[in-house]
Protein backbone atom coordinates (compact mmCIF):
# COMPACT_ATOMS: atom_id res chain seq x y z
CA UNK A 1 1.41 1.13 7.87
CA UNK A 2 3.11 0.33 4.03
CA UNK A 3 3.01 2.51 0.91
CA UNK A 4 2.18 0.15 -1.65
CA UNK A 5 2.14 2.23 -4.83
CA UNK A 6 1.62 -0.39 -7.45
CA UNK A 7 -0.45 -3.43 -8.40
CA UNK A 8 1.32 -6.62 -9.93
CA UNK A 9 0.38 -7.01 -13.53
CA UNK A 10 -0.29 -10.66 -13.12
CA UNK A 11 -2.15 -11.24 -9.98
CA UNK A 12 -3.31 -7.38 -8.82
CA UNK A 13 -1.28 -8.13 -5.60
CA UNK A 14 -0.74 -4.09 -4.35
CA UNK A 15 3.33 -4.39 -4.29
CA UNK A 16 5.56 -2.01 -2.61
CA UNK A 17 8.61 0.20 -3.75
CA UNK A 18 10.96 -2.21 -2.98
CA UNK A 19 11.64 -5.70 -3.48
CA UNK A 20 12.27 -7.33 -7.13
CA UNK A 21 9.32 -9.96 -6.72
CA UNK A 22 5.20 -10.44 -5.87
CA UNK A 23 4.55 -11.68 -2.60
CA UNK A 24 1.71 -13.39 -4.03
CA UNK A 25 2.92 -14.87 -7.50
CA UNK A 26 6.34 -14.20 -7.18
CA UNK A 27 6.27 -13.29 -11.25
CA UNK A 28 8.92 -10.53 -11.31
CA UNK A 29 8.46 -6.80 -11.16
CA UNK A 30 8.55 -5.05 -13.83
CA UNK A 31 11.51 -2.57 -14.56
CA UNK A 32 9.22 0.70 -14.50
CA UNK A 33 8.35 -0.18 -11.00
CA UNK A 34 11.77 -0.40 -9.44
CA UNK A 35 12.71 2.46 -6.90
CA UNK A 36 16.15 2.10 -9.12
CA UNK A 37 14.33 3.47 -12.21
CA UNK A 38 11.89 5.92 -10.33
CA UNK A 39 15.75 7.58 -8.90
CA UNK A 40 16.61 7.26 -12.31
CA UNK A 41 13.62 9.60 -13.75
CA UNK A 42 13.72 12.01 -10.83
CA UNK A 43 17.88 12.39 -11.42
CA UNK A 44 17.55 13.09 -15.17
CA UNK A 45 14.22 15.77 -13.76
CA UNK A 46 16.32 17.12 -11.98
CA UNK A 47 19.00 17.73 -14.63
CA UNK A 48 16.15 19.19 -17.14
CA UNK A 49 15.27 21.20 -14.73
CA UNK A 50 19.10 22.52 -14.21
CA UNK A 51 19.81 22.96 -17.71
CA UNK A 52 16.88 25.15 -18.04
CA UNK A 53 17.59 27.40 -15.55
CA UNK A 54 21.14 28.23 -16.74
CA UNK A 55 19.50 28.61 -20.02
CA UNK A 56 17.11 31.50 -18.42
CA UNK A 57 19.84 33.04 -16.36
CA UNK A 58 22.23 33.11 -19.26
CA UNK A 59 19.57 34.43 -21.99
CA UNK A 60 18.41 36.98 -18.95
CA UNK A 61 21.60 38.76 -18.66
CA UNK A 62 21.57 42.35 -19.85
CA UNK A 63 24.09 42.96 -22.95
CA UNK A 64 26.97 45.40 -22.26
CA UNK A 65 28.61 47.52 -24.70
């Protein structure tokens, strides 16, 4: 069983995450459906989460006198 996440915008064939073309009509897969783009989005969201956590920690450090 293969997980098919997307539909081809041209023919409606269900497409897998890997590969660069539709296996039915051989049209190019849109960039937003590529594995590298999804990995990039995961990386950016991870960086944003780390930046937010660092901000939260630094703003909650008690001030010393």
